[in-house]
Amino acid sequence: MSENSTIKILVADDEHVIADSLAMILTLAGFTVRAAYSGEQSVEVALGFQPDLLISDVVMTGMTGIEAAVKIGTKLPSCKVLLFSGHGATAALLAEASAQNHDFEILTKPVHPTDLLAKISGIETRSTPNS
């Protein structure tokens, strides 16, 4: 994945302003981006959009970002996951997911655009096959 425009990213957050802001930042950085506003919606969008990367808030009303990431990972195993959260309950949710053999990277809210882009770059580097 050498060009950002070939990388598809799904951003999920139940706070519309955050999802839309991150989607705009990533679009301006050259990525192909879609936003979803719930865990349930992120699963629906992912199935049609087929993202390379899911960036999701952990704590959302209804389905959590972790639950959505697990469902998306089952259907799209090549989709990478990057979670973010500003809630203290996140540690317990991540521990529960880890106990079920699901390990996710996490960023703390608020996420600075520079930090987000650096993290995405690191994920791209790890997932790029050696030629």
N, C-alpha and C. Protein backbone atom coordinates (compact mmCIF):
# COMPACT_ATOMS: atom_id res chain seq x y z
N MET A 1 0.85 -1.18 0.00
CA MET A 1 0.00 0.00 0.00
C MET A 1 0.89 1.24 0.00
N SER A 2 1.27 1.67 -1.15
CA SER A 2 2.18 2.79 -1.21
C SER A 2 1.48 4.13 -1.29
N GLU A 3 0.31 4.17 -1.89
CA GLU A 3 -0.42 5.43 -2.01
C GLU A 3 -1.57 5.45 -1.02
N ASN A 4 -1.72 6.57 -0.30
CA ASN A 4 -2.81 6.68 0.67
C ASN A 4 -4.16 6.46 0.04
N SER A 5 -4.36 6.91 -1.23
CA SER A 5 -5.67 6.82 -1.86
C SER A 5 -6.12 5.38 -2.06
N THR A 6 -5.19 4.43 -2.01
CA THR A 6 -5.58 3.04 -2.17
C THR A 6 -5.97 2.40 -0.84
N ILE A 7 -5.75 3.12 0.26
CA ILE A 7 -6.05 2.60 1.59
C ILE A 7 -7.44 3.08 2.00
N LYS A 8 -8.30 2.12 2.33
CA LYS A 8 -9.67 2.45 2.75
C LYS A 8 -9.77 2.35 4.27
N ILE A 9 -10.28 3.43 4.87
CA ILE A 9 -10.39 3.49 6.33
C ILE A 9 -11.84 3.75 6.71
N LEU A 10 -12.33 2.98 7.67
CA LEU A 10 -13.65 3.19 8.26
C LEU A 10 -13.45 3.76 9.65
N VAL A 11 -14.06 4.93 9.91
CA VAL A 11 -13.99 5.59 11.21
C VAL A 11 -15.35 5.42 11.89
N ALA A 12 -15.35 4.92 13.13
CA ALA A 12 -16.60 4.72 13.86
C ALA A 12 -16.55 5.42 15.22
N ASP A 13 -17.53 6.28 15.44
CA ASP A 13 -17.67 6.94 16.74
C ASP A 13 -19.11 7.40 16.85
N ASP A 14 -19.73 7.19 18.02
CA ASP A 14 -21.12 7.62 18.19
C ASP A 14 -21.24 9.13 18.38
N GLU A 15 -20.11 9.80 18.53
CA GLU A 15 -20.10 11.27 18.53
C GLU A 15 -19.83 11.69 17.09
N HIS A 16 -20.89 12.13 16.41
CA HIS A 16 -20.81 12.46 14.98
C HIS A 16 -19.68 13.43 14.66
N VAL A 17 -19.50 14.44 15.51
CA VAL A 17 -18.47 15.45 15.26
C VAL A 17 -17.09 14.80 15.22
N ILE A 18 -16.83 13.87 16.11
CA ILE A 18 -15.52 13.21 16.14
C ILE A 18 -15.35 12.32 14.91
N ALA A 19 -16.35 11.50 14.61
CA ALA A 19 -16.26 10.62 13.43
C ALA A 19 -16.06 11.45 12.16
N ASP A 20 -16.85 12.51 12.01
CA ASP A 20 -16.76 13.34 10.81
C ASP A 20 -15.43 14.10 10.75
N SER A 21 -14.94 14.58 11.88
CA SER A 21 -13.66 15.30 11.91
C SER A 21 -12.51 14.38 11.53
N LEU A 22 -12.48 13.19 12.12
CA LEU A 22 -11.42 12.23 11.78
C LEU A 22 -11.50 11.83 10.31
N ALA A 23 -12.73 11.62 9.82
CA ALA A 23 -12.90 11.25 8.41
C ALA A 23 -12.38 12.36 7.51
N MET A 24 -12.64 13.62 7.87
CA MET A 24 -12.18 14.74 7.06
C MET A 24 -10.65 14.82 7.09
N ILE A 25 -10.05 14.67 8.26
CA ILE A 25 -8.58 14.72 8.39
C ILE A 25 -7.94 13.62 7.53
N LEU A 26 -8.49 12.43 7.60
CA LEU A 26 -7.93 11.31 6.85
C LEU A 26 -8.16 11.46 5.35
N THR A 27 -9.30 12.02 4.97
CA THR A 27 -9.58 12.28 3.55
C THR A 27 -8.58 13.30 3.02
N LEU A 28 -8.33 14.36 3.79
CA LEU A 28 -7.36 15.38 3.38
C LEU A 28 -5.95 14.80 3.29
N ALA A 29 -5.67 13.74 4.06
CA ALA A 29 -4.37 13.07 4.01
C ALA A 29 -4.29 12.11 2.83
N GLY A 30 -5.39 11.98 2.08
CA GLY A 30 -5.37 11.18 0.87
C GLY A 30 -5.98 9.80 0.97
N PHE A 31 -6.53 9.45 2.12
CA PHE A 31 -7.15 8.13 2.28
C PHE A 31 -8.58 8.14 1.75
N THR A 32 -9.10 6.97 1.41
CA THR A 32 -10.51 6.81 1.07
C THR A 32 -11.21 6.45 2.38
N VAL A 33 -12.17 7.27 2.81
CA VAL A 33 -12.71 7.15 4.16
C VAL A 33 -14.23 7.13 4.16
N ARG A 34 -14.79 6.34 5.07
CA ARG A 34 -16.22 6.36 5.38
C ARG A 34 -16.36 6.52 6.89
N ALA A 35 -17.46 7.12 7.32
CA ALA A 35 -17.74 7.27 8.75
C ALA A 35 -18.99 6.47 9.11
N ALA A 36 -18.98 5.93 10.31
CA ALA A 36 -20.13 5.24 10.87
C ALA A 36 -20.34 5.78 12.28
N TYR A 37 -21.58 5.78 12.73
CA TYR A 37 -21.92 6.44 13.99
C TYR A 37 -22.40 5.49 15.09
N SER A 38 -22.14 4.20 14.91
CA SER A 38 -22.44 3.21 15.94
C SER A 38 -21.66 1.94 15.59
N GLY A 39 -21.55 1.06 16.56
CA GLY A 39 -20.90 -0.22 16.30
C GLY A 39 -21.67 -1.02 15.26
N GLU A 40 -22.99 -1.02 15.40
CA GLU A 40 -23.82 -1.76 14.45
C GLU A 40 -23.65 -1.22 13.04
N GLN A 41 -23.68 0.10 12.91
CA GLN A 41 -23.53 0.71 11.59
C GLN A 41 -22.14 0.44 11.02
N SER A 42 -21.12 0.42 11.86
CA SER A 42 -19.77 0.17 11.36
C SER A 42 -19.65 -1.23 10.75
N VAL A 43 -20.33 -2.20 11.34
CA VAL A 43 -20.32 -3.56 10.78
C VAL A 43 -21.01 -3.56 9.42
N GLU A 44 -22.17 -2.91 9.32
CA GLU A 44 -22.90 -2.84 8.05
C GLU A 44 -22.06 -2.15 6.97
N VAL A 45 -21.49 -1.00 7.30
CA VAL A 45 -20.69 -0.24 6.33
C VAL A 45 -19.46 -1.05 5.92
N ALA A 46 -18.81 -1.70 6.87
CA ALA A 46 -17.59 -2.46 6.58
C ALA A 46 -17.84 -3.56 5.55
N LEU A 47 -18.96 -4.22 5.65
CA LEU A 47 -19.24 -5.32 4.73
C LEU A 47 -19.31 -4.85 3.28
N GLY A 48 -19.85 -3.66 3.05
CA GLY A 48 -19.92 -3.12 1.70
C GLY A 48 -18.66 -2.39 1.28
N PHE A 49 -18.05 -1.66 2.21
CA PHE A 49 -16.90 -0.80 1.93
C PHE A 49 -15.59 -1.58 1.88
N GLN A 50 -15.49 -2.67 2.66
CA GLN A 50 -14.30 -3.51 2.72
C GLN A 50 -13.04 -2.70 3.11
N PRO A 51 -13.03 -2.08 4.28
CA PRO A 51 -11.89 -1.24 4.67
C PRO A 51 -10.62 -2.05 4.95
N ASP A 52 -9.49 -1.37 4.78
CA ASP A 52 -8.20 -1.95 5.15
C ASP A 52 -7.95 -1.73 6.64
N LEU A 53 -8.58 -0.68 7.18
CA LEU A 53 -8.37 -0.29 8.58
C LEU A 53 -9.67 0.22 9.17
N LEU A 54 -9.99 -0.26 10.37
CA LEU A 54 -11.10 0.26 11.17
C LEU A 54 -10.49 1.08 12.29
N ILE A 55 -10.92 2.34 12.41
CA ILE A 55 -10.54 3.18 13.54
C ILE A 55 -11.84 3.43 14.30
N SER A 56 -11.91 2.93 15.53
CA SER A 56 -13.19 2.98 16.25
C SER A 56 -13.03 3.40 17.70
N ASP A 57 -14.01 4.19 18.14
CA ASP A 57 -14.14 4.48 19.56
C ASP A 57 -14.48 3.16 20.24
N VAL A 58 -14.05 2.97 21.47
CA VAL A 58 -14.34 1.74 22.19
C VAL A 58 -15.75 1.80 22.78
N VAL A 59 -16.04 2.85 23.54
CA VAL A 59 -17.31 2.94 24.26
C VAL A 59 -18.33 3.69 23.42
N MET A 60 -19.29 2.93 22.87
CA MET A 60 -20.39 3.51 22.10
C MET A 60 -21.69 2.91 22.61
N THR A 61 -22.77 3.63 22.41
CA THR A 61 -24.08 3.12 22.80
C THR A 61 -24.40 1.89 21.97
N GLY A 62 -24.94 0.86 22.61
CA GLY A 62 -25.22 -0.38 21.88
C GLY A 62 -23.96 -1.22 21.78
N MET A 63 -23.62 -1.62 20.56
CA MET A 63 -22.44 -2.44 20.32
C MET A 63 -21.17 -1.61 20.54
N THR A 64 -20.24 -2.13 21.35
CA THR A 64 -18.98 -1.41 21.58
C THR A 64 -18.09 -1.50 20.34
N GLY A 65 -17.08 -0.66 20.32
CA GLY A 65 -16.12 -0.71 19.23
C GLY A 65 -15.37 -2.03 19.20
N ILE A 66 -15.13 -2.62 20.36
CA ILE A 66 -14.46 -3.91 20.43
C ILE A 66 -15.34 -5.00 19.82
N GLU A 67 -16.62 -5.00 20.19
CA GLU A 67 -17.54 -5.99 19.61
C GLU A 67 -17.62 -5.83 18.09
N ALA A 68 -17.70 -4.58 17.63
CA ALA A 68 -17.75 -4.32 16.19
C ALA A 68 -16.47 -4.80 15.52
N ALA A 69 -15.32 -4.52 16.14
CA ALA A 69 -14.03 -4.93 15.58
C ALA A 69 -13.93 -6.44 15.46
N VAL A 70 -14.43 -7.16 16.46
CA VAL A 70 -14.41 -8.62 16.42
C VAL A 70 -15.30 -9.12 15.28
N LYS A 71 -16.51 -8.56 15.14
CA LYS A 71 -17.42 -8.98 14.06
C LYS A 71 -16.82 -8.67 12.69
N ILE A 72 -16.26 -7.48 12.55
CA ILE A 72 -15.66 -7.09 11.27
C ILE A 72 -14.46 -7.98 10.97
N GLY A 73 -13.65 -8.26 11.98
CA GLY A 73 -12.48 -9.13 11.80
C GLY A 73 -12.86 -10.54 11.38
N THR A 74 -14.00 -11.02 11.84
CA THR A 74 -14.47 -12.34 11.46
C THR A 74 -14.83 -12.37 9.97
N LYS A 75 -15.49 -11.30 9.51
CA LYS A 75 -15.91 -11.22 8.10
C LYS A 75 -14.80 -10.75 7.18
N LEU A 76 -13.93 -9.87 7.69
CA LEU A 76 -12.85 -9.28 6.89
C LEU A 76 -11.53 -9.44 7.64
N PRO A 77 -10.95 -10.63 7.63
CA PRO A 77 -9.77 -10.89 8.46
C PRO A 77 -8.54 -10.03 8.13
N SER A 78 -8.47 -9.45 6.95
CA SER A 78 -7.31 -8.61 6.61
C SER A 78 -7.46 -7.17 7.10
N CYS A 79 -8.64 -6.82 7.63
CA CYS A 79 -8.88 -5.46 8.12
C CYS A 79 -8.14 -5.27 9.45
N LYS A 80 -7.26 -4.27 9.50
CA LYS A 80 -6.55 -3.93 10.74
C LYS A 80 -7.48 -3.09 11.62
N VAL A 81 -7.19 -3.03 12.90
CA VAL A 81 -8.04 -2.32 13.85
C VAL A 81 -7.19 -1.40 14.72
N LEU A 82 -7.66 -0.17 14.87
CA LEU A 82 -7.06 0.80 15.77
C LEU A 82 -8.20 1.40 16.58
N LEU A 83 -8.16 1.22 17.89
CA LEU A 83 -9.21 1.72 18.77
C LEU A 83 -8.75 2.99 19.47
N PHE A 84 -9.72 3.82 19.85
CA PHE A 84 -9.41 4.99 20.67
C PHE A 84 -10.52 5.18 21.68
N SER A 85 -10.15 5.78 22.83
CA SER A 85 -11.14 5.96 23.88
C SER A 85 -10.68 7.02 24.88
N GLY A 86 -11.66 7.64 25.49
CA GLY A 86 -11.40 8.59 26.56
C GLY A 86 -12.03 8.12 27.85
N HIS A 87 -12.47 6.87 27.90
CA HIS A 87 -13.20 6.34 29.05
C HIS A 87 -12.33 5.38 29.86
N GLY A 88 -12.50 5.41 31.16
CA GLY A 88 -11.77 4.51 32.05
C GLY A 88 -12.22 3.06 31.92
N ALA A 89 -13.44 2.82 31.48
CA ALA A 89 -13.96 1.46 31.34
C ALA A 89 -13.26 0.68 30.23
N THR A 90 -12.48 1.36 29.43
CA THR A 90 -11.83 0.73 28.29
C THR A 90 -10.91 -0.41 28.71
N ALA A 91 -10.16 -0.24 29.78
CA ALA A 91 -9.21 -1.26 30.22
C ALA A 91 -9.90 -2.59 30.47
N ALA A 92 -11.05 -2.57 31.13
CA ALA A 92 -11.78 -3.81 31.40
C ALA A 92 -12.28 -4.45 30.10
N LEU A 93 -12.77 -3.63 29.17
CA LEU A 93 -13.25 -4.15 27.89
C LEU A 93 -12.10 -4.76 27.09
N LEU A 94 -10.94 -4.11 27.10
CA LEU A 94 -9.78 -4.64 26.38
C LEU A 94 -9.28 -5.93 27.02
N ALA A 95 -9.30 -6.01 28.34
CA ALA A 95 -8.88 -7.23 29.03
C ALA A 95 -9.80 -8.39 28.68
N GLU A 96 -11.09 -8.11 28.62
CA GLU A 96 -12.06 -9.14 28.25
C GLU A 96 -11.81 -9.63 26.82
N ALA A 97 -11.57 -8.70 25.90
CA ALA A 97 -11.28 -9.06 24.50
C ALA A 97 -9.99 -9.86 24.41
N SER A 98 -8.97 -9.44 25.17
CA SER A 98 -7.68 -10.13 25.16
C SER A 98 -7.83 -11.57 25.66
N ALA A 99 -8.68 -11.77 26.65
CA ALA A 99 -8.93 -13.11 27.17
C ALA A 99 -9.55 -14.01 26.12
N GLN A 100 -10.17 -13.40 25.11
CA GLN A 100 -10.79 -14.15 24.01
C GLN A 100 -9.89 -14.13 22.77
N ASN A 101 -8.59 -13.85 22.98
CA ASN A 101 -7.58 -13.83 21.92
C ASN A 101 -7.77 -12.74 20.88
N HIS A 102 -8.31 -11.59 21.28
CA HIS A 102 -8.44 -10.43 20.41
C HIS A 102 -7.61 -9.31 21.02
N ASP A 103 -6.50 -8.98 20.36
CA ASP A 103 -5.64 -7.90 20.86
C ASP A 103 -5.71 -6.72 19.90
N PHE A 104 -5.96 -5.53 20.44
CA PHE A 104 -6.12 -4.33 19.64
C PHE A 104 -5.19 -3.23 20.13
N GLU A 105 -4.72 -2.41 19.19
CA GLU A 105 -3.97 -1.22 19.55
C GLU A 105 -4.96 -0.14 19.93
N ILE A 106 -4.55 0.75 20.85
CA ILE A 106 -5.47 1.79 21.31
C ILE A 106 -4.76 3.13 21.44
N LEU A 107 -5.47 4.19 21.09
CA LEU A 107 -5.03 5.57 21.28
C LEU A 107 -5.97 6.21 22.29
N THR A 108 -5.47 7.17 23.04
CA THR A 108 -6.28 7.87 24.03
C THR A 108 -6.90 9.12 23.41
N LYS A 109 -8.20 9.33 23.67
CA LYS A 109 -8.87 10.56 23.24
C LYS A 109 -8.44 11.69 24.13
N PRO A 110 -8.34 12.89 23.66
CA PRO A 110 -8.48 13.28 22.26
C PRO A 110 -7.26 12.85 21.46
N VAL A 111 -7.49 12.43 20.22
CA VAL A 111 -6.43 11.97 19.34
C VAL A 111 -5.95 13.14 18.49
N HIS A 112 -4.68 13.48 18.60
CA HIS A 112 -4.12 14.55 17.77
C HIS A 112 -3.92 14.00 16.36
N PRO A 113 -4.30 14.76 15.33
CA PRO A 113 -4.17 14.27 13.95
C PRO A 113 -2.76 13.74 13.61
N THR A 114 -1.72 14.40 14.10
CA THR A 114 -0.35 13.95 13.82
C THR A 114 -0.10 12.57 14.42
N ASP A 115 -0.59 12.35 15.64
CA ASP A 115 -0.44 11.05 16.29
C ASP A 115 -1.21 9.97 15.54
N LEU A 116 -2.42 10.31 15.10
CA LEU A 116 -3.25 9.36 14.36
C LEU A 116 -2.57 8.96 13.05
N LEU A 117 -2.09 9.93 12.30
CA LEU A 117 -1.44 9.64 11.02
C LEU A 117 -0.16 8.83 11.22
N ALA A 118 0.59 9.12 12.29
CA ALA A 118 1.80 8.35 12.58
C ALA A 118 1.45 6.91 12.92
N LYS A 119 0.39 6.72 13.69
CA LYS A 119 -0.03 5.36 14.06
C LYS A 119 -0.48 4.59 12.82
N ILE A 120 -1.24 5.25 11.93
CA ILE A 120 -1.69 4.61 10.70
C ILE A 120 -0.48 4.23 9.85
N SER A 121 0.48 5.10 9.77
CA SER A 121 1.70 4.82 9.00
C SER A 121 2.41 3.59 9.55
N GLY A 122 2.45 3.47 10.86
CA GLY A 122 3.06 2.30 11.49
C GLY A 122 2.31 1.02 11.18
N ILE A 123 0.99 1.10 11.14
CA ILE A 123 0.17 -0.06 10.81
C ILE A 123 0.40 -0.46 9.36
N GLU A 124 0.46 0.53 8.46
CA GLU A 124 0.72 0.26 7.05
C GLU A 124 2.05 -0.43 6.87
N THR A 125 3.08 0.06 7.56
CA THR A 125 4.42 -0.49 7.43
C THR A 125 4.46 -1.95 7.86
N ARG A 126 3.77 -2.26 8.96
CA ARG A 126 3.74 -3.64 9.45
C ARG A 126 2.96 -4.56 8.52
N SER A 127 1.94 -4.01 7.82
CA SER A 127 1.09 -4.88 7.00
C SER A 127 1.53 -4.95 5.55
N THR A 128 2.55 -4.17 5.16
CA THR A 128 3.03 -4.21 3.78
C THR A 128 3.92 -5.41 3.59
N PRO A 129 3.58 -6.28 2.62
CA PRO A 129 4.42 -7.47 2.40
C PRO A 129 5.79 -7.06 1.86
N ASN A 130 6.80 -7.83 2.23
CA ASN A 130 8.16 -7.59 1.71
C ASN A 130 8.22 -8.03 0.26
N SER A 131 8.82 -7.18 -0.60
CA SER A 131 8.91 -7.55 -2.00
C SER A 131 10.28 -8.05 -2.34
